[in-house]
Amino acid sequence: MAHLTGVEPRPRIRHNDYSPLTPPPIGGWTPTLSASVVIPAHGGQHRLDLTLAALAAQTYPAHLTEVIVVDDRSDPPLRLPDLRPDNTRVVVVPPGGWGAGHAMNAGIAAAEGEIVQRLDADMVISREHLEALFRWHHLTDYLVTIGGKKFAEEPALTPAQVHEAVRHGSPEDLFGPSALVSSSTEETIRRLDGLRASKNPYQVCTGPTVSLRRALLDEVRGFDPEVVRGQDTEFAYRLAQAGAVFVPDMEARAVHLGLPAQRGEHGKSIVRLVEAHLAHRVPLRRDLRKEPGRRWLVPYVEVVFDVTGADERRIVAAVDAVLRGTLTDVAVTLAGPWSPLEGGRRWAPGTEAFDLALVRAAFGHDARVRFAERAAPTAAPIPFRYTAPVDAPPAPALLERAVKAMLEERIGLLILDLPGGGTATLERTEAVARARRLTAPGEDPADVIAQTHGVRHAAASEFEELPKAPAKPAAPAASQTARNPAAAQTPKPAAARTPKPAAARGPGRRRPRRRAAAACSARSSTIRRRPRPATPVARRRGPAGQVFLPVRSS
């Protein structure tokens, strides 16, 4: 196995296919990276004792491992049992929050290892669990490893029993075979070829046993403490936007004490709470954003315009074009020299500062519009970014259709040729973030994206047309059949509908004037004909295809 030293180039993994990586066999390599196992806990002292007993029997070197139990204000406070790893300590969460995410952040702040392992306080893990996960992090530094787990109701166990079973490699023997319940996570991993074929592997990263490099963890700034349910999925989503690759290792076996919370009495309520958090923070969950009138915490697409040197009318027109598009889940970043506007300075009309002041006055209270000196290196946590000249804002349907194409084709960069010259780009944030990590000095990041996700060139016009609405059936003309349905069922004979030629009536015979007038009156009451103009009249078509005739003056 080649250890990552920071000198050799990182492997360029395409999508989530980590097949180019070959981990060493368990027991057949020498670990070098230090690791911190962080265990958030609230109550449950007995289960915590069993978890620590299993950790005390690990094959990963004890001198490279520390264990941090984060007590989330348990009553009574948690204590360390006698049977535990040597380097184990308890930290108490600071005030200002609660929940697993807040506790994890406290443990991460205290951790010193190069690898950080998140472990639930009710997990009995196999002896090679940590080694199986940590061996991958010796290959490269942008992986997130996921351990396997089964569920079981907690039997009457002692820490000594657990330690002995784990040390001999058979923790499952502590539970009856019929008591072990497979998790949906493991089933999904098998179905998607170990997540190699997964389009959104972060969804499987559900938290009870997950590890990653400390540098990657710091890059995404830990857990969101405001998410009290579903924090693991939200955290994994941000890791995906940072370009991470998710690697499940089923040799890292574990048993979760207790059945999933979703199967309990309040399972549906818990799912609703999870979805409420994820709807705002995970834009790729389009199924949770079905209400188009809502405003979401994390938009789906960021649109960037460089407004340096542009006048107010062009900037306002560009922003309005985006906000009026068919995709409403957007944010607009206006990159330009905004700092001169600070400090209460006066701006003379006709200057760039004056135009920018007008723009900020127009959009300063719209949360969808942002003002920045320059765009951030990536759009994270927003999953897509569209960059175009301010004079060429996207057509109404372009963003929606282009993003859909990127998802279907799984590409990372779409380069669009604009009708008036120049280009616009639609980037997938995870692809850009991975390219920033892997690009060598002097190398074009687009070349790296082509290797890891794919790049496509296209004309902007391919995505500009609105979907065609189905044609409406033509309205039937007013006729005698409309007024008298019976007439439609009993059609007149052809002879009755065809007037006789004058010669057939005989020479010199005339229709009585009274009868002719009555017949003319009857016809005019059933059919009203529009008088035809003497000369052809120009017609024009409306936006939906309607035909309009010009109004004639009397």
Protein backbone atom coordinates (compact mmCIF):
# COMPACT_ATOMS: atom_id res chain seq x y z
CA MET A 1 0.00 0.00 0.00
CA ALA A 2 1.19 3.48 -0.88
CA HIS A 3 0.80 5.89 2.01
CA LEU A 4 -0.19 9.45 1.20
CA THR A 5 2.76 11.67 2.11
CA GLY A 6 1.62 14.89 0.46
CA VAL A 7 4.30 14.67 -2.23
CA GLU A 8 2.70 12.28 -4.72
CA PRO A 9 -0.46 13.41 -6.60
CA ARG A 10 -3.80 12.39 -5.16
CA PRO A 11 -5.74 9.75 -7.10
CA ARG A 12 -8.37 11.26 -9.43
CA ILE A 13 -11.57 9.40 -8.59
CA ARG A 14 -14.46 9.69 -11.05
CA HIS A 15 -17.80 10.40 -9.37
CA ASN A 16 -17.86 7.97 -6.42
CA ASP A 17 -16.06 5.07 -8.11
CA TYR A 18 -13.17 4.50 -5.71
CA SER A 19 -12.15 1.28 -7.52
CA PRO A 20 -8.63 2.63 -8.30
CA LEU A 21 -7.89 2.52 -4.55
CA THR A 22 -6.72 -0.79 -3.08
CA PRO A 23 -6.74 -0.90 0.72
CA PRO A 24 -4.26 -3.18 2.49
CA PRO A 25 -5.51 -6.39 4.10
CA ILE A 26 -6.52 -6.09 7.71
CA GLY A 27 -3.58 -7.02 9.89
CA GLY A 28 -1.13 -6.80 6.98
CA TRP A 29 0.00 -3.17 7.16
CA THR A 30 1.44 -0.62 9.57
CA PRO A 31 -0.80 2.34 10.51
CA THR A 32 0.80 5.76 11.02
CA LEU A 33 -2.06 8.25 11.38
CA SER A 34 -3.33 9.28 14.81
CA ALA A 35 -7.09 9.07 15.36
CA SER A 36 -9.75 10.54 17.66
CA VAL A 37 -12.97 8.64 18.33
CA VAL A 38 -15.67 11.15 19.33
CA ILE A 39 -18.76 9.75 21.09
CA PRO A 40 -21.66 12.18 21.74
CA ALA A 41 -23.84 10.89 24.57
CA HIS A 42 -26.81 11.90 26.69
CA GLY A 43 -27.57 9.42 29.44
CA GLY A 44 -27.42 5.71 28.66
CA GLN A 45 -24.49 4.92 30.93
CA HIS A 46 -24.83 1.15 30.59
CA ARG A 47 -24.80 1.21 26.77
CA LEU A 48 -21.84 3.59 26.81
CA ASP A 49 -19.98 1.09 29.02
CA LEU A 50 -20.54 -1.63 26.40
CA THR A 51 -19.34 0.67 23.58
CA LEU A 52 -16.14 1.51 25.48
CA ALA A 53 -15.56 -2.17 26.26
CA ALA A 54 -15.64 -2.93 22.52
CA LEU A 55 -13.26 -0.02 21.82
CA ALA A 56 -10.80 -1.44 24.33
CA ALA A 57 -10.35 -4.53 22.12
CA GLN A 58 -9.54 -2.80 18.78
CA THR A 59 -6.74 -3.88 16.43
CA TYR A 60 -5.88 -0.29 15.49
CA PRO A 61 -2.85 0.66 17.63
CA ALA A 62 -3.84 2.01 21.04
CA HIS A 63 -0.96 4.50 21.07
CA LEU A 64 -2.44 6.15 17.95
CA THR A 65 -5.98 6.31 19.33
CA GLU A 66 -7.80 8.63 21.73
CA VAL A 67 -11.46 8.40 22.78
CA ILE A 68 -13.49 11.49 23.68
CA VAL A 69 -16.89 11.03 25.32
CA VAL A 70 -18.94 14.21 25.02
CA ASP A 71 -21.50 14.46 27.82
CA ASP A 72 -24.52 16.41 26.58
CA ARG A 73 -25.57 17.44 30.12
CA SER A 74 -26.59 13.99 31.33
CA ASP A 75 -28.26 13.73 34.73
CA PRO A 76 -26.49 12.13 36.50
CA PRO A 77 -23.27 13.04 34.65
CA LEU A 78 -21.60 10.30 32.64
CA ARG A 79 -18.57 8.57 34.14
CA LEU A 80 -15.78 6.46 32.68
CA PRO A 81 -15.97 2.73 33.49
CA ASP A 82 -12.96 0.66 34.46
CA LEU A 83 -13.01 -1.30 31.17
CA ARG A 84 -12.15 1.29 28.52
CA PRO A 85 -9.33 2.30 26.15
CA ASP A 86 -6.30 3.78 27.88
CA ASN A 87 -6.51 7.27 26.37
CA THR A 88 -10.16 8.07 27.14
CA ARG A 89 -11.60 11.24 28.63
CA VAL A 90 -14.94 13.02 29.11
CA VAL A 91 -15.68 16.57 27.98
CA VAL A 92 -18.91 18.43 28.74
CA VAL A 93 -20.71 20.38 26.04
CA PRO A 94 -20.48 24.16 26.39
CA PRO A 95 -23.64 26.19 26.91
CA GLY A 96 -25.52 27.57 23.94
CA GLY A 97 -26.90 24.43 22.32
CA TRP A 98 -27.86 20.80 22.62
CA GLY A 99 -28.08 17.67 20.47
CA ALA A 100 -25.62 15.40 18.72
CA GLY A 101 -24.33 18.06 16.32
CA HIS A 102 -23.52 20.52 19.09
CA ALA A 103 -21.87 17.72 21.09
CA MET A 104 -19.83 16.57 18.09
CA ASN A 105 -18.46 20.06 17.58
CA ALA A 106 -17.36 20.15 21.22
CA GLY A 107 -15.60 16.80 20.81
CA ILE A 108 -13.95 17.85 17.55
CA ALA A 109 -12.62 20.99 19.21
CA ALA A 110 -10.94 18.79 21.84
CA ALA A 111 -9.70 16.14 19.39
CA GLU A 112 -6.05 15.92 18.39
CA GLY A 113 -6.06 13.06 15.87
CA GLU A 114 -5.46 13.32 12.12
CA ILE A 115 -8.49 11.09 11.62
CA VAL A 116 -11.81 11.78 13.37
CA GLN A 117 -14.25 8.93 13.94
CA ARG A 118 -17.85 9.69 14.92
CA LEU A 119 -19.33 6.79 16.89
CA ASP A 120 -22.70 6.46 18.59
CA ALA A 121 -22.77 5.69 22.31
CA ASP A 122 -24.83 2.54 21.74
CA MET A 123 -22.65 0.69 19.22
CA VAL A 124 -20.84 -2.60 19.82
CA ILE A 125 -18.18 -2.66 17.10
CA SER A 126 -16.01 -5.54 15.90
CA ARG A 127 -12.32 -5.60 16.83
CA GLU A 128 -11.16 -4.61 13.30
CA HIS A 129 -13.79 -1.90 12.91
CA LEU A 130 -11.50 1.12 13.29
CA GLU A 131 -8.67 -0.49 11.35
CA ALA A 132 -10.96 -1.31 8.42
CA LEU A 133 -12.14 2.29 8.16
CA PHE A 134 -8.84 4.03 8.90
CA ARG A 135 -6.80 2.06 6.34
CA TRP A 136 -8.54 4.00 3.55
CA HIS A 137 -7.43 7.35 4.97
CA HIS A 138 -3.82 6.29 4.55
CA LEU A 139 -4.45 6.18 0.76
CA THR A 140 -5.77 9.71 0.24
CA ASP A 141 -7.28 12.56 2.19
CA TYR A 142 -10.69 13.25 0.68
CA LEU A 143 -12.52 10.07 1.64
CA VAL A 144 -15.38 9.55 4.08
CA THR A 145 -15.55 5.96 5.29
CA ILE A 146 -18.76 4.35 6.53
CA GLY A 147 -19.01 1.25 8.71
CA GLY A 148 -21.67 -1.41 8.53
CA LYS A 149 -24.26 -2.02 11.24
CA LYS A 150 -27.12 -4.25 12.21
CA PHE A 151 -29.76 -3.54 14.82
CA ALA A 152 -30.70 -5.62 17.85
CA GLU A 153 -32.67 -5.19 21.02
CA GLU A 154 -30.22 -4.94 23.91
CA PRO A 155 -29.84 -8.22 25.81
CA ALA A 156 -28.53 -8.45 29.36
CA LEU A 157 -24.80 -7.98 28.83
CA THR A 158 -21.82 -6.96 30.90
CA PRO A 159 -18.85 -4.94 29.62
CA ALA A 160 -16.60 -7.94 30.31
CA GLN A 161 -18.76 -10.17 28.09
CA VAL A 162 -18.65 -7.63 25.27
CA HIS A 163 -14.89 -7.15 25.55
CA GLU A 164 -14.24 -10.89 25.48
CA ALA A 165 -16.51 -11.47 22.44
CA VAL A 166 -14.98 -8.57 20.50
CA ARG A 167 -11.42 -9.62 21.35
CA HIS A 168 -12.10 -13.07 19.88
CA GLY A 169 -13.71 -11.58 16.78
CA SER A 170 -17.30 -12.68 17.37
CA PRO A 171 -19.43 -9.84 18.81
CA GLU A 172 -22.46 -11.11 16.85
CA ASP A 173 -22.41 -14.23 19.06
CA LEU A 174 -23.71 -12.03 21.86
CA PHE A 175 -27.01 -11.75 19.98
CA GLY A 176 -29.23 -14.47 18.60
CA PRO A 177 -29.16 -14.67 14.76
CA SER A 178 -32.89 -13.96 14.60
CA ALA A 179 -32.41 -10.87 16.78
CA LEU A 180 -30.13 -9.10 14.30
CA VAL A 181 -32.00 -6.79 11.92
CA SER A 182 -30.26 -5.60 8.74
CA SER A 183 -30.23 -1.88 8.12
CA SER A 184 -31.59 -0.23 4.98
CA THR A 185 -28.17 1.45 4.68
CA GLU A 186 -26.40 -1.87 4.10
CA GLU A 187 -29.04 -2.94 1.58
CA THR A 188 -28.58 0.31 -0.37
CA ILE A 189 -24.79 -0.12 -0.33
CA ARG A 190 -25.06 -3.62 -1.79
CA ARG A 191 -27.56 -2.53 -4.44
CA LEU A 192 -25.33 0.32 -5.64
CA ASP A 193 -22.11 -1.70 -5.89
CA GLY A 194 -20.67 -0.41 -2.65
CA LEU A 195 -21.88 3.11 -3.57
CA ARG A 196 -19.63 3.12 -6.64
CA ALA A 197 -22.76 3.53 -8.79
CA SER A 198 -24.50 5.97 -6.45
CA LYS A 199 -25.44 9.42 -7.76
CA ASN A 200 -25.89 10.84 -4.25
CA PRO A 201 -23.79 8.66 -1.90
CA TYR A 202 -24.01 11.22 0.91
CA GLN A 203 -27.56 10.01 1.58
CA VAL A 204 -26.19 6.73 2.95
CA CYS A 205 -23.82 8.46 5.36
CA THR A 206 -26.20 8.32 8.33
CA GLY A 207 -23.77 8.73 11.17
CA PRO A 208 -23.49 5.99 13.81
CA THR A 209 -19.99 5.11 12.53
CA VAL A 210 -18.26 7.49 10.10
CA SER A 211 -14.64 8.63 9.80
CA LEU A 212 -12.72 11.24 7.79
CA ARG A 213 -9.53 13.27 7.79
CA ARG A 214 -9.42 16.22 10.19
CA ALA A 215 -8.53 18.66 7.39
CA LEU A 216 -11.67 17.73 5.43
CA LEU A 217 -13.75 18.08 8.57
CA ASP A 218 -12.36 21.55 9.25
CA GLU A 219 -13.02 22.56 5.64
CA VAL A 220 -16.78 22.07 6.06
CA ARG A 221 -16.67 23.59 9.59
CA GLY A 222 -18.12 20.64 11.44
CA PHE A 223 -21.76 19.97 12.18
CA ASP A 224 -24.67 22.39 12.01
CA PRO A 225 -25.72 22.74 15.66
CA GLU A 226 -29.19 23.97 14.68
CA VAL A 227 -30.05 20.62 13.08
CA VAL A 228 -31.18 18.42 15.96
CA ARG A 229 -32.43 15.58 13.72
CA GLY A 230 -30.89 14.56 10.43
CA GLN A 231 -27.61 16.32 11.27
CA ASP A 232 -25.58 13.41 9.88
CA THR A 233 -27.19 13.62 6.43
CA GLU A 234 -26.85 17.41 6.33
CA PHE A 235 -23.20 17.10 7.35
CA ALA A 236 -22.58 14.46 4.68
CA TYR A 237 -24.24 16.65 2.04
CA ARG A 238 -21.75 19.45 2.78
CA LEU A 239 -18.91 16.95 2.57
CA ALA A 240 -20.18 15.95 -0.87
CA GLN A 241 -20.14 19.60 -1.96
CA ALA A 242 -16.52 19.74 -0.77
CA GLY A 243 -15.68 16.98 -3.29
CA ALA A 244 -15.53 14.05 -0.86
CA VAL A 245 -15.74 10.40 -1.94
CA PHE A 246 -17.82 8.04 0.25
CA VAL A 247 -16.41 4.57 0.88
CA PRO A 248 -18.43 1.97 2.81
CA ASP A 249 -16.45 -0.91 4.27
CA MET A 250 -18.56 -3.84 5.40
CA GLU A 251 -15.58 -5.41 7.13
CA ALA A 252 -16.16 -2.73 9.77
CA ARG A 253 -18.98 -4.68 11.41
CA ALA A 254 -21.10 -3.36 14.28
CA VAL A 255 -24.33 -3.95 16.19
CA HIS A 256 -26.51 -0.99 17.11
CA LEU A 257 -28.18 -1.55 20.48
CA GLY A 258 -31.87 -0.81 19.96
CA LEU A 259 -34.03 -0.59 16.85
CA PRO A 260 -34.11 2.54 14.64
CA ALA A 261 -36.01 5.48 16.10
CA GLN A 262 -38.13 5.66 12.93
CA ARG A 263 -39.73 2.35 13.89
CA GLY A 264 -40.80 3.58 17.30
CA GLU A 265 -44.00 5.17 18.54
CA HIS A 266 -43.06 8.62 17.25
CA GLY A 267 -41.33 7.44 14.06
CA LYS A 268 -43.46 9.49 11.65
CA SER A 269 -42.99 12.65 13.70
CA ILE A 270 -39.22 12.16 13.73
CA VAL A 271 -39.17 11.73 9.96
CA ARG A 272 -41.16 14.96 9.56
CA LEU A 273 -38.66 16.83 11.73
CA VAL A 274 -35.73 15.43 9.75
CA GLU A 275 -37.36 16.44 6.46
CA ALA A 276 -38.07 19.96 7.74
CA HIS A 277 -34.35 20.47 8.44
CA LEU A 278 -33.16 18.85 5.21
CA ALA A 279 -35.62 20.75 3.02
CA HIS A 280 -33.86 24.02 3.86
CA ARG A 281 -30.29 22.74 3.84
CA VAL A 282 -30.08 20.03 1.16
CA PRO A 283 -31.26 21.55 -2.16
CA LEU A 284 -30.74 18.27 -4.03
CA ARG A 285 -33.75 16.87 -2.17
CA ARG A 286 -36.16 18.30 -4.73
CA ASP A 287 -38.90 16.08 -3.35
CA LEU A 288 -38.87 18.22 -0.20
CA ARG A 289 -39.18 21.52 -2.13
CA LYS A 290 -42.48 21.12 -3.92
CA GLU A 291 -43.84 24.53 -2.92
CA PRO A 292 -42.48 27.06 -5.47
CA GLY A 293 -43.49 30.09 -3.43
CA ARG A 294 -41.12 29.30 -0.54
CA ARG A 295 -37.72 30.81 0.11
CA TRP A 296 -35.10 28.28 1.23
CA LEU A 297 -32.03 28.67 3.41
CA VAL A 298 -29.68 27.12 0.81
CA PRO A 299 -30.65 27.89 -2.82
CA TYR A 300 -30.42 25.40 -5.67
CA VAL A 301 -28.43 27.59 -8.09
CA GLU A 302 -26.20 30.62 -7.58
CA VAL A 303 -25.96 33.05 -10.50
CA VAL A 304 -22.83 35.22 -10.58
CA PHE A 305 -22.49 38.47 -12.54
CA ASP A 306 -19.33 40.57 -12.53
CA VAL A 307 -20.83 44.08 -12.45
CA THR A 308 -17.54 46.01 -12.51
CA GLY A 309 -17.99 48.91 -14.92
CA ALA A 310 -21.65 48.10 -15.69
CA ASP A 311 -24.32 50.77 -15.35
CA GLU A 312 -27.37 50.46 -13.14
CA ARG A 313 -29.86 49.66 -15.91
CA ARG A 314 -27.86 46.69 -17.23
CA ILE A 315 -27.35 45.26 -13.74
CA VAL A 316 -31.00 45.61 -12.76
CA ALA A 317 -32.12 44.05 -16.04
CA ALA A 318 -29.80 41.07 -15.51
CA VAL A 319 -30.97 40.44 -11.94
CA ASP A 320 -34.63 40.77 -12.87
CA ALA A 321 -34.15 38.31 -15.73
CA VAL A 322 -32.85 35.69 -13.29
CA LEU A 323 -35.55 36.28 -10.68
CA ARG A 324 -38.28 36.01 -13.33
CA GLY A 325 -37.00 32.66 -14.62
CA THR A 326 -38.82 29.36 -14.38
CA LEU A 327 -36.40 28.23 -11.65
CA THR A 328 -37.25 30.32 -8.57
CA ASP A 329 -34.91 28.55 -6.16
CA VAL A 330 -31.95 30.83 -6.97
CA ALA A 331 -29.58 33.39 -5.50
CA VAL A 332 -27.77 36.15 -7.41
CA THR A 333 -24.26 37.27 -6.46
CA LEU A 334 -23.18 40.62 -7.84
CA ALA A 335 -19.38 40.75 -7.77
CA GLY A 336 -17.96 44.26 -7.94
CA PRO A 337 -16.33 47.17 -6.10
CA TRP A 338 -18.90 47.60 -3.32
CA SER A 339 -16.49 48.69 -0.58
CA PRO A 340 -16.30 52.34 -1.75
CA LEU A 341 -19.99 52.65 -0.88
CA GLU A 342 -19.27 52.16 2.81
CA GLY A 343 -18.59 54.95 5.27
CA GLY A 344 -21.35 57.36 4.26
CA ARG A 345 -19.50 58.77 1.26
CA ARG A 346 -21.30 60.81 -1.38
CA TRP A 347 -21.44 59.57 -4.95
CA ALA A 348 -21.70 61.92 -7.88
CA PRO A 349 -24.23 61.01 -10.59
CA GLY A 350 -22.58 59.54 -13.64
CA THR A 351 -19.95 57.63 -11.65
CA GLU A 352 -19.68 53.88 -11.17
CA ALA A 353 -20.20 54.28 -7.42
CA PHE A 354 -23.49 56.12 -8.02
CA ASP A 355 -24.81 53.33 -10.27
CA LEU A 356 -23.80 50.68 -7.74
CA ALA A 357 -25.54 52.65 -5.00
CA LEU A 358 -28.73 52.60 -7.09
CA VAL A 359 -28.42 48.84 -7.53
CA ARG A 360 -27.93 48.28 -3.83
CA ALA A 361 -30.92 50.48 -3.07
CA ALA A 362 -33.00 48.42 -5.51
CA PHE A 363 -32.02 44.95 -4.22
CA GLY A 364 -30.60 45.58 -0.75
CA HIS A 365 -33.73 44.18 0.92
CA ASP A 366 -34.05 41.13 -1.33
CA ALA A 367 -32.44 38.15 0.42
CA ARG A 368 -31.92 36.45 -2.95
CA VAL A 369 -29.42 39.10 -4.07
CA ARG A 370 -25.93 39.22 -2.56
CA PHE A 371 -23.17 41.80 -2.89
CA ALA A 372 -19.53 40.70 -2.84
CA GLU A 373 -16.17 42.04 -3.93
CA ARG A 374 -15.59 38.71 -5.67
CA ALA A 375 -17.30 35.35 -5.88
CA ALA A 376 -16.21 32.65 -3.43
CA PRO A 377 -13.97 29.86 -4.80
CA THR A 378 -16.99 27.52 -4.92
CA ALA A 379 -20.72 27.95 -4.44
CA ALA A 380 -20.82 25.49 -1.50
CA PRO A 381 -23.19 24.57 0.01
CA ILE A 382 -25.20 25.58 -3.09
CA PRO A 383 -24.87 22.64 -5.53
CA PHE A 384 -24.75 24.65 -8.81
CA ARG A 385 -23.28 27.96 -9.98
CA TYR A 386 -24.03 29.78 -13.24
CA THR A 387 -21.58 32.51 -14.32
CA ALA A 388 -22.33 34.80 -17.26
CA PRO A 389 -21.63 38.34 -18.51
CA VAL A 390 -24.02 40.89 -17.05
CA ASP A 391 -25.11 41.74 -20.60
CA ALA A 392 -26.17 38.13 -21.25
CA PRO A 393 -28.44 36.96 -18.43
CA PRO A 394 -29.97 33.49 -18.82
CA ALA A 395 -33.20 33.03 -20.75
CA PRO A 396 -36.23 32.19 -18.55
CA ALA A 397 -35.94 28.38 -18.85
CA LEU A 398 -32.18 28.03 -19.26
CA LEU A 399 -31.18 27.36 -15.66
CA GLU A 400 -33.89 24.81 -15.06
CA ARG A 401 -33.23 22.92 -18.28
CA ALA A 402 -29.43 23.07 -18.06
CA VAL A 403 -29.32 21.80 -14.47
CA LYS A 404 -31.63 18.96 -15.41
CA ALA A 405 -29.28 18.01 -18.26
CA MET A 406 -26.26 18.09 -15.94
CA LEU A 407 -27.96 15.76 -13.48
CA GLU A 408 -29.08 13.33 -16.17
CA GLU A 409 -25.65 13.24 -17.81
CA ARG A 410 -23.73 13.43 -14.49
CA ILE A 411 -21.35 16.07 -15.85
CA GLY A 412 -19.45 18.55 -13.72
CA LEU A 413 -19.11 21.53 -16.08
CA LEU A 414 -21.33 22.83 -18.86
CA ILE A 415 -19.78 25.51 -21.10
CA LEU A 416 -22.35 27.48 -23.10
CA ASP A 417 -21.63 29.53 -26.21
CA LEU A 418 -23.71 32.71 -26.08
CA PRO A 419 -25.48 34.08 -29.18
CA GLY A 420 -23.63 37.41 -29.11
CA GLY A 421 -20.24 35.84 -28.51
CA GLY A 422 -18.52 34.83 -25.31
CA THR A 423 -19.41 31.98 -22.97
CA ALA A 424 -21.27 31.22 -19.78
CA THR A 425 -20.59 28.30 -17.45
CA LEU A 426 -22.74 26.09 -15.26
CA GLU A 427 -20.63 24.35 -12.61
CA ARG A 428 -21.43 21.50 -10.29
CA THR A 429 -20.03 22.52 -6.92
CA GLU A 430 -18.75 19.07 -5.92
CA ALA A 431 -16.82 18.81 -9.21
CA VAL A 432 -15.21 22.24 -8.81
CA ALA A 433 -14.28 21.51 -5.19
CA ARG A 434 -12.65 18.20 -6.10
CA ALA A 435 -10.77 19.83 -8.98
CA ARG A 436 -9.43 22.51 -6.63
CA ARG A 437 -8.07 19.73 -4.47
CA LEU A 438 -6.54 17.72 -7.31
CA THR A 439 -5.35 20.31 -9.87
CA ALA A 440 -1.59 20.51 -10.26
CA PRO A 441 0.17 23.89 -10.56
CA GLY A 442 -0.35 25.32 -14.04
CA GLU A 443 -3.06 22.80 -14.91
CA ASP A 444 -6.49 23.88 -16.15
CA PRO A 445 -9.14 22.86 -13.57
CA ALA A 446 -11.54 22.10 -16.43
CA ASP A 447 -9.19 19.28 -17.51
CA VAL A 448 -9.44 17.77 -14.04
CA ILE A 449 -13.23 18.11 -14.01
CA ALA A 450 -13.27 16.30 -17.35
CA GLN A 451 -11.54 13.37 -15.64
CA THR A 452 -13.60 13.30 -12.44
CA HIS A 453 -17.07 14.30 -13.67
CA GLY A 454 -17.07 15.22 -17.35
CA VAL A 455 -17.28 18.47 -19.33
CA ARG A 456 -19.70 19.34 -22.10
CA HIS A 457 -19.78 22.24 -24.61
CA ALA A 458 -23.12 23.37 -26.03
CA ALA A 459 -24.93 26.35 -27.49
CA ALA A 460 -26.97 28.30 -24.96
CA SER A 461 -29.91 28.15 -27.37
CA GLU A 462 -30.21 24.42 -26.67
CA PHE A 463 -31.60 25.25 -23.23
CA GLU A 464 -33.39 28.52 -23.90
CA GLU A 465 -36.72 27.43 -25.33
CA LEU A 466 -39.65 27.11 -22.97
CA PRO A 467 -41.45 23.76 -22.97
CA LYS A 468 -44.21 23.91 -25.58
CA ALA A 469 -47.71 23.97 -24.11
CA PRO A 470 -50.17 21.47 -25.62
CA ALA A 471 -52.25 23.04 -28.38
CA LYS A 472 -55.78 23.96 -27.35
CA PRO A 473 -58.59 22.49 -29.49
CA ALA A 474 -60.22 25.08 -31.77
CA ALA A 475 -63.53 26.40 -30.48
CA PRO A 476 -66.47 25.29 -32.70
CA ALA A 477 -67.98 28.08 -34.79
CA ALA A 478 -71.45 29.32 -33.92
CA SER A 479 -73.92 27.50 -36.15
CA GLN A 480 -77.42 26.25 -36.37
CA THR A 481 -76.27 22.92 -34.92
CA ALA A 482 -75.13 24.69 -31.75
CA ARG A 483 -78.54 26.27 -31.32
CA ASN A 484 -80.53 23.25 -32.46
CA PRO A 485 -78.82 19.92 -31.59
CA ALA A 486 -81.62 18.03 -33.30
CA ALA A 487 -80.57 19.51 -36.59
CA ALA A 488 -77.16 17.84 -36.28
CA GLN A 489 -78.80 14.43 -35.83
CA THR A 490 -81.14 14.81 -38.88
CA PRO A 491 -79.13 16.33 -41.72
CA LYS A 492 -81.06 17.80 -44.61
CA PRO A 493 -80.91 16.05 -47.97
CA ALA A 494 -78.45 17.47 -50.40
CA ALA A 495 -81.26 18.70 -52.64
CA ALA A 496 -82.76 20.69 -49.79
CA ARG A 497 -79.42 22.36 -49.03
CA THR A 498 -78.62 23.23 -52.62
CA PRO A 499 -80.68 26.07 -54.12
CA LYS A 500 -82.32 25.47 -57.47
CA PRO A 501 -80.86 27.23 -60.47
CA ALA A 502 -82.97 30.05 -61.80
CA ALA A 503 -83.59 28.17 -65.06
CA ALA A 504 -85.23 25.32 -63.19
CA ARG A 505 -87.95 27.60 -61.92
CA GLY A 506 -89.14 28.29 -65.43
CA PRO A 507 -88.99 31.46 -67.50
CA GLY A 508 -90.67 34.57 -66.28
CA ARG A 509 -91.57 33.13 -62.84
CA ARG A 510 -90.67 35.15 -59.76
CA ARG A 511 -90.67 34.24 -56.09
CA PRO A 512 -93.25 36.33 -54.24
CA ARG A 513 -91.55 39.24 -52.54
CA ARG A 514 -93.05 38.48 -49.12
CA ARG A 515 -91.90 34.86 -49.16
CA ALA A 516 -88.39 35.88 -50.31
CA ALA A 517 -88.09 38.42 -47.53
CA ALA A 518 -89.20 35.87 -44.95
CA ALA A 519 -86.68 33.33 -46.19
CA CYS A 520 -83.89 35.90 -46.06
CA SER A 521 -84.85 36.83 -42.51
CA ALA A 522 -84.80 33.19 -41.42
CA ARG A 523 -81.32 32.69 -42.83
CA SER A 524 -79.93 35.81 -41.19
CA SER A 525 -81.25 34.72 -37.78
CA THR A 526 -79.22 31.50 -37.86
CA ILE A 527 -76.00 32.43 -39.66
CA ARG A 528 -74.25 35.74 -39.25
CA ARG A 529 -71.40 36.12 -41.68
CA ARG A 530 -68.53 38.55 -41.17
CA PRO A 531 -68.29 40.81 -44.23
CA ARG A 532 -65.10 40.09 -46.12
CA PRO A 533 -62.83 43.05 -46.73
CA ALA A 534 -62.33 44.17 -50.27
CA THR A 535 -58.59 43.76 -49.94
CA PRO A 536 -56.56 41.22 -47.89
CA VAL A 537 -56.01 42.28 -44.26
CA ALA A 538 -52.63 41.71 -42.61
CA ARG A 539 -52.85 39.41 -39.62
CA ARG A 540 -50.51 39.23 -36.63
CA ARG A 541 -50.02 36.47 -34.12
CA GLY A 542 -50.02 36.86 -30.36
CA PRO A 543 -47.51 35.26 -27.99
CA ALA A 544 -49.62 32.10 -27.60
CA GLY A 545 -50.35 31.72 -31.30
CA GLN A 546 -53.70 33.59 -31.35
CA VAL A 547 -54.53 35.45 -34.57
CA PHE A 548 -55.52 39.10 -34.21
CA LEU A 549 -57.19 41.25 -36.88
CA PRO A 550 -56.53 44.98 -36.81
CA VAL A 551 -59.42 47.11 -35.58
CA ARG A 552 -61.04 49.14 -38.37
CA SER A 553 -62.05 52.71 -37.78
CA SER A 554 -65.67 53.49 -38.56
